[in-house]
PDB file of all heavy atoms in Angstrom:
ATOM      1  N   GLU A   1     -19.510  -1.719   5.178  1.00  0.00           N
ATOM      2  CA  GLU A   1     -20.638  -2.658   5.207  1.00  0.00           C
ATOM      3  C   GLU A   1     -20.790  -3.214   6.617  1.00  0.00           C
ATOM      4  O   GLU A   1     -19.813  -3.514   7.293  1.00  0.00           O
ATOM      5  CB  GLU A   1     -20.408  -3.793   4.212  1.00  0.00           C
ATOM      6  CG  GLU A   1     -21.632  -4.689   4.016  1.00  0.00           C
ATOM      7  CD  GLU A   1     -21.400  -5.774   2.975  1.00  0.00           C
ATOM      8  OE1 GLU A   1     -20.217  -6.119   2.717  1.00  0.00           O
ATOM      9  OE2 GLU A   1     -22.387  -6.287   2.416  1.00  0.00           O
ATOM     10  N   THR A   2     -22.023  -3.334   7.085  1.00  0.00           N
ATOM     11  CA  THR A   2     -22.296  -3.867   8.414  1.00  0.00           C
ATOM     12  C   THR A   2     -22.232  -5.395   8.385  1.00  0.00           C
ATOM     13  O   THR A   2     -21.903  -5.997   7.354  1.00  0.00           O
ATOM     14  CB  THR A   2     -23.683  -3.423   8.902  1.00  0.00           C
ATOM     15  OG1 THR A   2     -24.691  -4.073   8.111  1.00  0.00           O
ATOM     16  CG2 THR A   2     -23.850  -1.916   8.783  1.00  0.00           C
ATOM     17  N   CYS A   3     -22.600  -6.008   9.494  1.00  0.00           N
ATOM     18  CA  CYS A   3     -22.585  -7.465   9.549  1.00  0.00           C
ATOM     19  C   CYS A   3     -23.673  -8.090   8.678  1.00  0.00           C
ATOM     20  O   CYS A   3     -23.663  -9.293   8.436  1.00  0.00           O
ATOM     21  CB  CYS A   3     -22.714  -7.949  10.989  1.00  0.00           C
ATOM     22  SG  CYS A   3     -24.289  -7.543  11.765  1.00  0.00           S
ATOM     23  N   ARG A   4     -24.619  -7.289   8.209  1.00  0.00           N
ATOM     24  CA  ARG A   4     -25.646  -7.773   7.282  1.00  0.00           C
ATOM     25  C   ARG A   4     -25.308  -7.299   5.881  1.00  0.00           C
ATOM     26  O   ARG A   4     -25.097  -6.106   5.652  1.00  0.00           O
ATOM     27  CB  ARG A   4     -27.035  -7.278   7.692  1.00  0.00           C
ATOM     28  CG  ARG A   4     -27.572  -7.957   8.937  1.00  0.00           C
ATOM     29  CD  ARG A   4     -28.982  -7.489   9.248  1.00  0.00           C
ATOM     30  NE  ARG A   4     -29.934  -7.817   8.194  1.00  0.00           N
ATOM     31  CZ  ARG A   4     -31.226  -7.511   8.221  1.00  0.00           C
ATOM     32  NH1 ARG A   4     -31.718  -6.857   9.263  1.00  0.00           N
ATOM     33  NH2 ARG A   4     -32.027  -7.833   7.230  1.00  0.00           N
ATOM     34  N   ARG A   5     -25.264  -8.229   4.944  1.00  0.00           N
ATOM     35  CA  ARG A   5     -24.887  -7.901   3.583  1.00  0.00           C
ATOM     36  C   ARG A   5     -25.860  -6.885   2.973  1.00  0.00           C
ATOM     37  O   ARG A   5     -27.072  -6.968   3.129  1.00  0.00           O
ATOM     38  CB  ARG A   5     -24.875  -9.158   2.689  1.00  0.00           C
ATOM     39  CG  ARG A   5     -23.885 -10.230   3.074  1.00  0.00           C
ATOM     40  CD  ARG A   5     -22.456  -9.728   3.173  1.00  0.00           C
ATOM     41  NE  ARG A   5     -22.003  -8.849   2.125  1.00  0.00           N
ATOM     42  CZ  ARG A   5     -21.434  -9.259   0.972  1.00  0.00           C
ATOM     43  NH1 ARG A   5     -21.306 -10.545   0.727  1.00  0.00           N
ATOM     44  NH2 ARG A   5     -21.003  -8.375   0.099  1.00  0.00           N
ATOM     45  N   GLY A   6     -25.295  -5.916   2.272  1.00  0.00           N
ATOM     46  CA  GLY A   6     -26.098  -4.907   1.584  1.00  0.00           C
ATOM     47  C   GLY A   6     -26.513  -3.741   2.447  1.00  0.00           C
ATOM     48  O   GLY A   6     -27.131  -2.801   1.962  1.00  0.00           O
ATOM     49  N   ILE A   7     -26.188  -3.790   3.737  1.00  0.00           N
ATOM     50  CA  ILE A   7     -26.511  -2.683   4.645  1.00  0.00           C
ATOM     51  C   ILE A   7     -25.205  -2.031   5.081  1.00  0.00           C
ATOM     52  O   ILE A   7     -24.304  -2.695   5.597  1.00  0.00           O
ATOM     53  CB  ILE A   7     -27.311  -3.167   5.868  1.00  0.00           C
ATOM     54  CG1 ILE A   7     -28.627  -3.805   5.415  1.00  0.00           C
ATOM     55  CG2 ILE A   7     -27.585  -2.002   6.815  1.00  0.00           C
ATOM     56  CD1 ILE A   7     -29.462  -4.371   6.558  1.00  0.00           C
ATOM     57  N   PHE A   8     -25.111  -0.719   4.874  1.00  0.00           N
ATOM     58  CA  PHE A   8     -23.888   0.029   5.151  1.00  0.00           C
ATOM     59  C   PHE A   8     -24.176   1.107   6.195  1.00  0.00           C
ATOM     60  O   PHE A   8     -25.327   1.510   6.391  1.00  0.00           O
ATOM     61  CB  PHE A   8     -23.365   0.679   3.867  1.00  0.00           C
ATOM     62  CG  PHE A   8     -23.074  -0.314   2.769  1.00  0.00           C
ATOM     63  CD1 PHE A   8     -24.097  -0.826   1.970  1.00  0.00           C
ATOM     64  CD2 PHE A   8     -21.782  -0.749   2.530  1.00  0.00           C
ATOM     65  CE1 PHE A   8     -23.837  -1.751   0.964  1.00  0.00           C
ATOM     66  CE2 PHE A   8     -21.507  -1.679   1.527  1.00  0.00           C
ATOM     67  CZ  PHE A   8     -22.542  -2.180   0.750  1.00  0.00           C
ATOM     68  N   ALA A   9     -23.139   1.573   6.861  1.00  0.00           N
ATOM     69  CA  ALA A   9     -23.277   2.651   7.854  1.00  0.00           C
ATOM     70  C   ALA A   9     -22.198   3.689   7.598  1.00  0.00           C
ATOM     71  O   ALA A   9     -21.035   3.345   7.352  1.00  0.00           O
ATOM     72  CB  ALA A   9     -23.173   2.109   9.274  1.00  0.00           C
ATOM     73  N   VAL A  10     -22.588   4.972   7.645  1.00  0.00           N
ATOM     74  CA  VAL A  10     -21.655   6.061   7.353  1.00  0.00           C
ATOM     75  C   VAL A  10     -21.847   7.205   8.341  1.00  0.00           C
ATOM     76  O   VAL A  10     -22.895   7.350   8.961  1.00  0.00           O
ATOM     77  CB  VAL A  10     -21.860   6.599   5.912  1.00  0.00           C
ATOM     78  CG1 VAL A  10     -21.527   5.543   4.879  1.00  0.00           C
ATOM     79  CG2 VAL A  10     -23.298   7.112   5.717  1.00  0.00           C
ATOM     80  N   GLY A  11     -20.809   8.014   8.488  1.00  0.00           N
ATOM     81  CA  GLY A  11     -20.912   9.216   9.311  1.00  0.00           C
ATOM     82  C   GLY A  11     -20.855   8.923  10.797  1.00  0.00           C
ATOM     83  O   GLY A  11     -20.307   7.919  11.249  1.00  0.00           O
ATOM     84  N   ASP A  12     -21.449   9.812  11.586  1.00  0.00           N
ATOM     85  CA  ASP A  12     -21.343   9.749  13.043  1.00  0.00           C
ATOM     86  C   ASP A  12     -21.931   8.490  13.656  1.00  0.00           C
ATOM     87  O   ASP A  12     -21.551   8.099  14.759  1.00  0.00           O
ATOM     88  CB  ASP A  12     -22.023  10.975  13.670  1.00  0.00           C
ATOM     89  CG  ASP A  12     -21.237  12.256  13.458  1.00  0.00           C
ATOM     90  OD1 ASP A  12     -20.149  12.185  12.840  1.00  0.00           O
ATOM     91  OD2 ASP A  12     -21.705  13.324  13.904  1.00  0.00           O
ATOM     92  N   VAL A  13     -22.868   7.837  12.980  1.00  0.00           N
ATOM     93  CA  VAL A  13     -23.490   6.636  13.543  1.00  0.00           C
ATOM     94  C   VAL A  13     -22.548   5.441  13.471  1.00  0.00           C
ATOM     95  O   VAL A  13     -22.737   4.437  14.165  1.00  0.00           O
ATOM     96  CB  VAL A  13     -24.816   6.329  12.807  1.00  0.00           C
ATOM     97  CG1 VAL A  13     -24.551   5.716  11.421  1.00  0.00           C
ATOM     98  CG2 VAL A  13     -25.713   5.417  13.631  1.00  0.00           C
ATOM     99  N   ARG A  14     -21.501   5.539  12.675  1.00  0.00           N
ATOM    100  CA  ARG A  14     -20.565   4.432  12.468  1.00  0.00           C
ATOM    101  C   ARG A  14     -19.524   4.391  13.577  1.00  0.00           C
ATOM    102  O   ARG A  14     -18.970   5.416  13.961  1.00  0.00           O
ATOM    103  CB  ARG A  14     -19.883   4.577  11.101  1.00  0.00           C
ATOM    104  CG  ARG A  14     -18.882   3.479  10.780  1.00  0.00           C
ATOM    105  CD  ARG A  14     -18.353   3.622   9.378  1.00  0.00           C
ATOM    106  NE  ARG A  14     -17.539   4.807   9.202  1.00  0.00           N
ATOM    107  CZ  ARG A  14     -16.246   4.892   9.505  1.00  0.00           C
ATOM    108  NH1 ARG A  14     -15.627   3.855  10.051  1.00  0.00           N
ATOM    109  NH2 ARG A  14     -15.577   6.004   9.290  1.00  0.00           N
ATOM    110  N   ALA A  15     -19.245   3.217  14.076  1.00  0.00           N
ATOM    111  CA  ALA A  15     -18.221   3.042  15.095  1.00  0.00           C
ATOM    112  C   ALA A  15     -16.858   3.455  14.546  1.00  0.00           C
ATOM    113  O   ALA A  15     -16.535   3.182  13.389  1.00  0.00           O
ATOM    114  CB  ALA A  15     -18.180   1.586  15.556  1.00  0.00           C
ATOM    115  N   GLU A  16     -16.074   4.126  15.384  1.00  0.00           N
ATOM    116  CA  GLU A  16     -14.715   4.558  15.062  1.00  0.00           C
ATOM    117  C   GLU A  16     -14.653   5.603  13.950  1.00  0.00           C
ATOM    118  O   GLU A  16     -13.592   5.812  13.351  1.00  0.00           O
ATOM    119  CB  GLU A  16     -13.835   3.353  14.693  1.00  0.00           C
ATOM    120  CG  GLU A  16     -13.729   2.313  15.803  1.00  0.00           C
ATOM    121  CD  GLU A  16     -12.853   1.138  15.434  1.00  0.00           C
ATOM    122  OE1 GLU A  16     -12.316   1.115  14.313  1.00  0.00           O
ATOM    123  OE2 GLU A  16     -12.717   0.232  16.260  1.00  0.00           O
ATOM    124  N   SER A  17     -15.758   6.271  13.654  1.00  0.00           N
ATOM    125  CA  SER A  17     -15.732   7.336  12.640  1.00  0.00           C
ATOM    126  C   SER A  17     -15.165   8.610  13.235  1.00  0.00           C
ATOM    127  O   SER A  17     -15.232   8.835  14.451  1.00  0.00           O
ATOM    128  CB  SER A  17     -17.138   7.609  12.095  1.00  0.00           C
ATOM    129  OG  SER A  17     -17.984   8.122  13.113  1.00  0.00           O
ATOM    130  N   VAL A  18     -14.595   9.455  12.389  1.00  0.00           N
ATOM    131  CA  VAL A  18     -14.105  10.765  12.804  1.00  0.00           C
ATOM    132  C   VAL A  18     -15.277  11.734  12.747  1.00  0.00           C
ATOM    133  O   VAL A  18     -15.925  11.876  11.703  1.00  0.00           O
ATOM    134  CB  VAL A  18     -12.963  11.246  11.882  1.00  0.00           C
ATOM    135  CG1 VAL A  18     -12.507  12.645  12.288  1.00  0.00           C
ATOM    136  CG2 VAL A  18     -11.800  10.267  11.925  1.00  0.00           C
ATOM    137  N   LYS A  19     -15.587  12.387  13.863  1.00  0.00           N
ATOM    138  CA  LYS A  19     -16.780  13.234  13.943  1.00  0.00           C
ATOM    139  C   LYS A  19     -16.492  14.616  13.342  1.00  0.00           C
ATOM    140  O   LYS A  19     -16.379  15.617  14.048  1.00  0.00           O
ATOM    141  CB  LYS A  19     -17.258  13.353  15.387  1.00  0.00           C
ATOM    142  CG  LYS A  19     -17.329  12.042  16.158  1.00  0.00           C
ATOM    143  CD  LYS A  19     -18.164  10.970  15.462  1.00  0.00           C
ATOM    144  CE  LYS A  19     -18.253   9.709  16.316  1.00  0.00           C
ATOM    145  NZ  LYS A  19     -18.831   8.567  15.627  1.00  0.00           N
ATOM    146  N   ARG A  20     -16.361  14.661  12.039  1.00  0.00           N
ATOM    147  CA  ARG A  20     -16.135  15.900  11.304  1.00  0.00           C
ATOM    148  C   ARG A  20     -16.966  15.862  10.024  1.00  0.00           C
ATOM    149  O   ARG A  20     -17.219  14.788   9.455  1.00  0.00           O
ATOM    150  CB  ARG A  20     -14.656  16.074  10.940  1.00  0.00           C
ATOM    151  CG  ARG A  20     -13.733  16.349  12.121  1.00  0.00           C
ATOM    152  CD  ARG A  20     -13.918  17.786  12.637  1.00  0.00           C
ATOM    153  NE  ARG A  20     -12.932  18.126  13.656  1.00  0.00           N
ATOM    154  CZ  ARG A  20     -13.067  17.912  14.954  1.00  0.00           C
ATOM    155  NH1 ARG A  20     -14.175  17.314  15.385  1.00  0.00           N
ATOM    156  NH2 ARG A  20     -12.144  18.280  15.819  1.00  0.00           N
ATOM    157  N   VAL A  21     -17.378  17.034   9.553  1.00  0.00           N
ATOM    158  CA  VAL A  21     -18.201  17.100   8.345  1.00  0.00           C
ATOM    159  C   VAL A  21     -17.462  16.494   7.157  1.00  0.00           C
ATOM    160  O   VAL A  21     -18.020  15.710   6.387  1.00  0.00           O
ATOM    161  CB  VAL A  21     -18.613  18.556   8.042  1.00  0.00           C
ATOM    162  CG1 VAL A  21     -19.368  18.631   6.720  1.00  0.00           C
ATOM    163  CG2 VAL A  21     -19.475  19.115   9.170  1.00  0.00           C
ATOM    164  N   ALA A  22     -16.196  16.865   6.995  1.00  0.00           N
ATOM    165  CA  ALA A  22     -15.424  16.361   5.857  1.00  0.00           C
ATOM    166  C   ALA A  22     -15.305  14.841   5.908  1.00  0.00           C
ATOM    167  O   ALA A  22     -15.369  14.169   4.866  1.00  0.00           O
ATOM    168  CB  ALA A  22     -14.040  17.003   5.836  1.00  0.00           C
ATOM    169  N   ALA A  23     -15.112  14.267   7.100  1.00  0.00           N
ATOM    170  CA  ALA A  23     -15.016  12.817   7.236  1.00  0.00           C
ATOM    171  C   ALA A  23     -16.340  12.156   6.861  1.00  0.00           C
ATOM    172  O   ALA A  23     -16.363  11.087   6.225  1.00  0.00           O
ATOM    173  CB  ALA A  23     -14.623  12.451   8.660  1.00  0.00           C
ATOM    174  N   ALA A  24     -17.451  12.782   7.254  1.00  0.00           N
ATOM    175  CA  ALA A  24     -18.767  12.239   6.918  1.00  0.00           C
ATOM    176  C   ALA A  24     -18.980  12.224   5.409  1.00  0.00           C
ATOM    177  O   ALA A  24     -19.499  11.251   4.847  1.00  0.00           O
ATOM    178  CB  ALA A  24     -19.860  13.058   7.602  1.00  0.00           C
ATOM    179  N   VAL A  25     -18.563  13.292   4.746  1.00  0.00           N
ATOM    180  CA  VAL A  25     -18.686  13.359   3.292  1.00  0.00           C
ATOM    181  C   VAL A  25     -17.822  12.277   2.643  1.00  0.00           C
ATOM    182  O   VAL A  25     -18.232  11.611   1.686  1.00  0.00           O
ATOM    183  CB  VAL A  25     -18.280  14.754   2.781  1.00  0.00           C
ATOM    184  CG1 VAL A  25     -18.198  14.779   1.254  1.00  0.00           C
ATOM    185  CG2 VAL A  25     -19.279  15.801   3.271  1.00  0.00           C
ATOM    186  N   GLY A  26     -16.614  12.079   3.181  1.00  0.00           N
ATOM    187  CA  GLY A  26     -15.753  11.020   2.669  1.00  0.00           C
ATOM    188  C   GLY A  26     -16.378   9.650   2.820  1.00  0.00           C
ATOM    189  O   GLY A  26     -16.269   8.796   1.930  1.00  0.00           O
ATOM    190  N   ASP A  27     -17.040   9.416   3.950  1.00  0.00           N
ATOM    191  CA  ASP A  27     -17.758   8.156   4.155  1.00  0.00           C
ATOM    192  C   ASP A  27     -18.793   7.930   3.061  1.00  0.00           C
ATOM    193  O   ASP A  27     -18.951   6.821   2.541  1.00  0.00           O
ATOM    194  CB  ASP A  27     -18.459   8.161   5.515  1.00  0.00           C
ATOM    195  CG  ASP A  27     -17.592   7.584   6.630  1.00  0.00           C
ATOM    196  OD1 ASP A  27     -16.375   7.428   6.414  1.00  0.00           O
ATOM    197  OD2 ASP A  27     -18.135   7.301   7.720  1.00  0.00           O
ATOM    198  N   GLY A  28     -19.514   8.995   2.721  1.00  0.00           N
ATOM    199  CA  GLY A  28     -20.545   8.871   1.700  1.00  0.00           C
ATOM    200  C   GLY A  28     -19.974   8.445   0.360  1.00  0.00           C
ATOM    201  O   GLY A  28     -20.535   7.577  -0.333  1.00  0.00           O
ATOM    202  N   ALA A  29     -18.842   9.041  -0.012  1.00  0.00           N
ATOM    203  CA  ALA A  29     -18.206   8.687  -1.281  1.00  0.00           C
ATOM    204  C   ALA A  29     -17.720   7.240  -1.254  1.00  0.00           C
ATOM    205  O   ALA A  29     -17.899   6.486  -2.225  1.00  0.00           O
ATOM    206  CB  ALA A  29     -17.046   9.643  -1.554  1.00  0.00           C
ATOM    207  N   GLN A  30     -17.096   6.840  -0.137  1.00  0.00           N
ATOM    208  CA  GLN A  30     -16.565   5.484  -0.046  1.00  0.00           C
ATOM    209  C   GLN A  30     -17.693   4.454  -0.035  1.00  0.00           C
ATOM    210  O   GLN A  30     -17.562   3.359  -0.601  1.00  0.00           O
ATOM    211  CB  GLN A  30     -15.708   5.332   1.211  1.00  0.00           C
ATOM    212  CG  GLN A  30     -14.992   3.988   1.297  1.00  0.00           C
ATOM    213  CD  GLN A  30     -14.097   3.875   2.509  1.00  0.00           C
ATOM    214  OE1 GLN A  30     -14.195   4.665   3.443  1.00  0.00           O
ATOM    215  NE2 GLN A  30     -13.209   2.892   2.503  1.00  0.00           N
ATOM    216  N   ALA A  31     -18.805   4.793   0.594  1.00  0.00           N
ATOM    217  CA  ALA A  31     -19.931   3.861   0.652  1.00  0.00           C
ATOM    218  C   ALA A  31     -20.441   3.525  -0.739  1.00  0.00           C
ATOM    219  O   ALA A  31     -20.790   2.370  -1.024  1.00  0.00           O
ATOM    220  CB  ALA A  31     -21.054   4.441   1.510  1.00  0.00           C
ATOM    221  N   VAL A  32     -20.506   4.525  -1.611  1.00  0.00           N
ATOM    222  CA  VAL A  32     -21.008   4.296  -2.965  1.00  0.00           C
ATOM    223  C   VAL A  32     -20.073   3.360  -3.734  1.00  0.00           C
ATOM    224  O   VAL A  32     -20.524   2.500  -4.502  1.00  0.00           O
ATOM    225  CB  VAL A  32     -21.209   5.630  -3.713  1.00  0.00           C
ATOM    226  CG1 VAL A  32     -21.586   5.386  -5.172  1.00  0.00           C
ATOM    227  CG2 VAL A  32     -22.309   6.440  -3.026  1.00  0.00           C
ATOM    228  N   ALA A  33     -18.758   3.493  -3.514  1.00  0.00           N
ATOM    229  CA  ALA A  33     -17.822   2.561  -4.149  1.00  0.00           C
ATOM    230  C   ALA A  33     -18.096   1.135  -3.672  1.00  0.00           C
ATOM    231  O   ALA A  33     -18.086   0.180  -4.470  1.00  0.00           O
ATOM    232  CB  ALA A  33     -16.389   2.968  -3.832  1.00  0.00           C
ATOM    233  N   SER A  34     -18.344   0.971  -2.384  1.00  0.00           N
ATOM    234  CA  SER A  34     -18.652  -0.359  -1.850  1.00  0.00           C
ATOM    235  C   SER A  34     -19.994  -0.870  -2.364  1.00  0.00           C
ATOM    236  O   SER A  34     -20.156  -2.071  -2.614  1.00  0.00           O
ATOM    237  CB  SER A  34     -18.661  -0.321  -0.320  1.00  0.00           C
ATOM    238  OG  SER A  34     -17.355  -0.105   0.192  1.00  0.00           O
ATOM    239  N   ILE A  35     -20.958   0.026  -2.528  1.00  0.00           N
ATOM    240  CA  ILE A  35     -22.271  -0.372  -3.059  1.00  0.00           C
ATOM    241  C   ILE A  35     -22.131  -0.907  -4.480  1.00  0.00           C
ATOM    242  O   ILE A  35     -22.739  -1.931  -4.835  1.00  0.00           O
ATOM    243  CB  ILE A  35     -23.251   0.818  -3.005  1.00  0.00           C
ATOM    244  CG1 ILE A  35     -23.677   1.071  -1.553  1.00  0.00           C
ATOM    245  CG2 ILE A  35     -24.478   0.561  -3.881  1.00  0.00           C
ATOM    246  CD1 ILE A  35     -24.437   2.358  -1.343  1.00  0.00           C
ATOM    247  N   HIS A  36     -21.339  -0.232  -5.299  1.00  0.00           N
ATOM    248  CA  HIS A  36     -21.115  -0.731  -6.662  1.00  0.00           C
ATOM    249  C   HIS A  36     -20.517  -2.132  -6.629  1.00  0.00           C
ATOM    250  O   HIS A  36     -20.921  -3.026  -7.392  1.00  0.00           O
ATOM    251  CB  HIS A  36     -20.175   0.212  -7.420  1.00  0.00           C
ATOM    252  CG  HIS A  36     -20.854   1.431  -7.978  1.00  0.00           C
ATOM    253  ND1 HIS A  36     -21.886   1.339  -8.885  1.00  0.00           N
ATOM    254  CD2 HIS A  36     -20.621   2.751  -7.782  1.00  0.00           C
ATOM    255  CE1 HIS A  36     -22.276   2.569  -9.221  1.00  0.00           C
ATOM    256  NE2 HIS A  36     -21.527   3.434  -8.560  1.00  0.00           N
ATOM    257  N   ALA A  37     -19.543  -2.349  -5.739  1.00  0.00           N
ATOM    258  CA  ALA A  37     -18.916  -3.668  -5.635  1.00  0.00           C
ATOM    259  C   ALA A  37     -19.926  -4.718  -5.188  1.00  0.00           C
ATOM    260  O   ALA A  37     -19.962  -5.837  -5.725  1.00  0.00           O
ATOM    261  CB  ALA A  37     -17.745  -3.605  -4.657  1.00  0.00           C
ATOM    262  N   TYR A  38     -20.771  -4.358  -4.227  1.00  0.00           N
ATOM    263  CA  TYR A  38     -21.785  -5.292  -3.732  1.00  0.00           C
ATOM    264  C   TYR A  38     -22.792  -5.637  -4.828  1.00  0.00           C
ATOM    265  O   TYR A  38     -23.122  -6.814  -5.031  1.00  0.00           O
ATOM    266  CB  TYR A  38     -22.496  -4.696  -2.526  1.00  0.00           C
ATOM    267  CG  TYR A  38     -23.696  -5.493  -2.078  1.00  0.00           C
ATOM    268  CD1 TYR A  38     -23.540  -6.648  -1.317  1.00  0.00           C
ATOM    269  CD2 TYR A  38     -24.988  -5.103  -2.438  1.00  0.00           C
ATOM    270  CE1 TYR A  38     -24.638  -7.400  -0.925  1.00  0.00           C
ATOM    271  CE2 TYR A  38     -26.092  -5.847  -2.054  1.00  0.00           C
ATOM    272  CZ  TYR A  38     -25.921  -6.993  -1.295  1.00  0.00           C
ATOM    273  OH  TYR A  38     -27.010  -7.735  -0.913  1.00  0.00           O
ATOM    274  N   LEU A  39     -23.298  -4.623  -5.538  1.00  0.00           N
ATOM    275  CA  LEU A  39     -24.289  -4.868  -6.580  1.00  0.00           C
ATOM    276  C   LEU A  39     -23.703  -5.702  -7.715  1.00  0.00           C
ATOM    277  O   LEU A  39     -24.387  -6.569  -8.284  1.00  0.00           O
ATOM    278  CB  LEU A  39     -24.836  -3.536  -7.110  1.00  0.00           C
ATOM    279  CG  LEU A  39     -25.673  -2.714  -6.124  1.00  0.00           C
ATOM    280  CD1 LEU A  39     -26.090  -1.387  -6.746  1.00  0.00           C
ATOM    281  CD2 LEU A  39     -26.898  -3.488  -5.655  1.00  0.00           C
TER     282      LEU A  39
END
């Protein structure tokens, strides 16, 4: 989650992310878990 509530960042655009396809896919899965918690 970014500094604004309800807005998330995943993949290469995210600071300190691992620039690999598998890491990007992992970000997507983790983001949805955080979205459920936020909602």
